[in-house]
């Protein structure tokens, strides 16, 4: 979306429709690979090795309507839209 110059249009759409995301996806920070990173790789590796803290993630998502299924991971059902999101 960034390189296609569509990111701002997508943000406007989400804002206008009052769609809520379970965590920052479209309104998050964007880290475009630097020139040095592109010379050594085709992607940014500046956060390689960083891990999400599971307990904080569960607490955050539970507060936003997600449920814990110990066999399938965290999930949220969007009945109106007809789909289920899962994080394992």
C-alpha atoms as a PDB file:
ATOM      1  CA  UNK A   1       0.000   0.000   0.000  1.00  0.00           C
ATOM      2  CA  UNK A   2       2.854   2.378   0.780  1.00  0.00           C
ATOM      3  CA  UNK A   3       4.669   1.968  -2.524  1.00  0.00           C
ATOM      4  CA  UNK A   4       1.384   2.045  -4.470  1.00  0.00           C
ATOM      5  CA  UNK A   5       0.569   5.350  -2.715  1.00  0.00           C
ATOM      6  CA  UNK A   6      -2.651   3.803  -1.405  1.00  0.00           C
ATOM      7  CA  UNK A   7      -1.881   3.677   2.319  1.00  0.00           C
ATOM      8  CA  UNK A   8      -3.556   7.004   3.121  1.00  0.00           C
ATOM      9  CA  UNK A   9      -6.646   6.035   1.124  1.00  0.00           C
ATOM     10  CA  UNK A  10      -6.927   2.782   3.032  1.00  0.00           C
ATOM     11  CA  UNK A  11      -6.537   4.638   6.342  1.00  0.00           C
ATOM     12  CA  UNK A  12      -9.274   7.066   5.317  1.00  0.00           C
ATOM     13  CA  UNK A  13     -11.573   4.176   4.380  1.00  0.00           C
ATOM     14  CA  UNK A  14     -11.084   2.508   7.771  1.00  0.00           C
ATOM     15  CA  UNK A  15     -11.604   5.798   9.574  1.00  0.00           C
ATOM     16  CA  UNK A  16     -14.723   6.711   7.570  1.00  0.00           C
ATOM     17  CA  UNK A  17     -16.267   3.246   8.097  1.00  0.00           C
ATOM     18  CA  UNK A  18     -15.265   3.336  11.791  1.00  0.00           C
ATOM     19  CA  UNK A  19     -13.605  -0.074  11.426  1.00  0.00           C
ATOM     20  CA  UNK A  20     -11.544  -1.119  14.417  1.00  0.00           C
ATOM     21  CA  UNK A  21      -8.445  -3.258  14.110  1.00  0.00           C
ATOM     22  CA  UNK A  22      -7.407  -5.667  16.900  1.00  0.00           C
ATOM     23  CA  UNK A  23      -3.980  -4.049  16.884  1.00  0.00           C
ATOM     24  CA  UNK A  24      -2.328  -1.303  14.857  1.00  0.00           C
ATOM     25  CA  UNK A  25      -1.996  -2.587  11.332  1.00  0.00           C
ATOM     26  CA  UNK A  26      -2.816   0.225   8.950  1.00  0.00           C
ATOM     27  CA  UNK A  27      -2.218   3.025  11.475  1.00  0.00           C
ATOM     28  CA  UNK A  28       1.084   1.646  12.749  1.00  0.00           C
ATOM     29  CA  UNK A  29       4.558   2.976  12.246  1.00  0.00           C
ATOM     30  CA  UNK A  30       6.140   2.169   8.910  1.00  0.00           C
ATOM     31  CA  UNK A  31       9.773   1.157   8.744  1.00  0.00           C
ATOM     32  CA  UNK A  32      10.931   1.260   5.139  1.00  0.00           C
ATOM     33  CA  UNK A  33      14.233  -0.585   4.601  1.00  0.00           C
ATOM     34  CA  UNK A  34      17.194   1.770   4.628  1.00  0.00           C
ATOM     35  CA  UNK A  35      19.684   2.022   1.786  1.00  0.00           C
ATOM     36  CA  UNK A  36      22.212  -0.035   3.797  1.00  0.00           C
ATOM     37  CA  UNK A  37      19.624  -2.747   4.489  1.00  0.00           C
ATOM     38  CA  UNK A  38      18.698  -2.954   0.824  1.00  0.00           C
ATOM     39  CA  UNK A  39      22.356  -3.315  -0.160  1.00  0.00           C
ATOM     40  CA  UNK A  40      22.746  -6.401   2.047  1.00  0.00           C
ATOM     41  CA  UNK A  41      19.252  -7.902   1.842  1.00  0.00           C
ATOM     42  CA  UNK A  42      15.832  -7.423   0.281  1.00  0.00           C
ATOM     43  CA  UNK A  43      14.181  -6.727   3.642  1.00  0.00           C
ATOM     44  CA  UNK A  44      14.706  -4.923   6.909  1.00  0.00           C
ATOM     45  CA  UNK A  45      16.109  -7.024   9.729  1.00  0.00           C
ATOM     46  CA  UNK A  46      16.313  -4.273  12.363  1.00  0.00           C
ATOM     47  CA  UNK A  47      13.831  -6.034  14.667  1.00  0.00           C
ATOM     48  CA  UNK A  48      15.031  -9.561  14.011  1.00  0.00           C
ATOM     49  CA  UNK A  49      15.042 -11.552  17.239  1.00  0.00           C
ATOM     50  CA  UNK A  50      12.493  -9.344  18.989  1.00  0.00           C
ATOM     51  CA  UNK A  51       9.621 -11.354  20.407  1.00  0.00           C
ATOM     52  CA  UNK A  52       6.044 -10.534  21.265  1.00  0.00           C
ATOM     53  CA  UNK A  53       5.365 -10.961  24.981  1.00  0.00           C
ATOM     54  CA  UNK A  54       2.631 -13.644  25.100  1.00  0.00           C
ATOM     55  CA  UNK A  55       0.986 -12.596  28.385  1.00  0.00           C
ATOM     56  CA  UNK A  56       0.725  -8.957  27.309  1.00  0.00           C
ATOM     57  CA  UNK A  57      -0.624 -10.007  23.913  1.00  0.00           C
ATOM     58  CA  UNK A  58      -3.308 -12.218  25.479  1.00  0.00           C
ATOM     59  CA  UNK A  59      -4.318  -9.465  27.921  1.00  0.00           C
ATOM     60  CA  UNK A  60      -4.521  -6.867  25.158  1.00  0.00           C
ATOM     61  CA  UNK A  61      -6.541  -9.036  22.780  1.00  0.00           C
ATOM     62  CA  UNK A  62      -8.907 -10.348  25.481  1.00  0.00           C
ATOM     63  CA  UNK A  63      -9.744  -6.741  26.269  1.00  0.00           C
ATOM     64  CA  UNK A  64     -10.707  -6.333  22.611  1.00  0.00           C
ATOM     65  CA  UNK A  65     -13.070  -9.286  22.415  1.00  0.00           C
ATOM     66  CA  UNK A  66     -10.684 -12.097  21.493  1.00  0.00           C
ATOM     67  CA  UNK A  67     -10.996 -15.517  23.151  1.00  0.00           C
ATOM     68  CA  UNK A  68      -8.331 -18.041  24.020  1.00  0.00           C
ATOM     69  CA  UNK A  69      -8.667 -21.487  22.503  1.00  0.00           C
ATOM     70  CA  UNK A  70      -5.797 -23.589  23.794  1.00  0.00           C
ATOM     71  CA  UNK A  71      -5.886 -25.854  20.731  1.00  0.00           C
ATOM     72  CA  UNK A  72      -6.285 -23.167  18.062  1.00  0.00           C
ATOM     73  CA  UNK A  73      -4.754 -20.081  19.702  1.00  0.00           C
ATOM     74  CA  UNK A  74      -6.354 -16.684  20.086  1.00  0.00           C
ATOM     75  CA  UNK A  75      -9.406 -16.089  17.957  1.00  0.00           C
ATOM     76  CA  UNK A  76     -12.134 -13.616  17.274  1.00  0.00           C
ATOM     77  CA  UNK A  77     -15.268 -14.351  15.321  1.00  0.00           C
ATOM     78  CA  UNK A  78     -16.715 -11.614  13.119  1.00  0.00           C
ATOM     79  CA  UNK A  79     -20.267 -12.912  12.738  1.00  0.00           C
ATOM     80  CA  UNK A  80     -21.563 -10.001  10.671  1.00  0.00           C
ATOM     81  CA  UNK A  81     -18.668 -10.203   8.218  1.00  0.00           C
ATOM     82  CA  UNK A  82     -18.683 -14.007   8.160  1.00  0.00           C
ATOM     83  CA  UNK A  83     -15.102 -14.851   9.159  1.00  0.00           C
ATOM     84  CA  UNK A  84     -12.879 -15.823  12.070  1.00  0.00           C
ATOM     85  CA  UNK A  85      -9.418 -14.427  12.761  1.00  0.00           C
ATOM     86  CA  UNK A  86      -6.882 -16.660  14.518  1.00  0.00           C
ATOM     87  CA  UNK A  87      -3.423 -16.025  15.959  1.00  0.00           C
ATOM     88  CA  UNK A  88      -1.412 -19.063  16.963  1.00  0.00           C
END
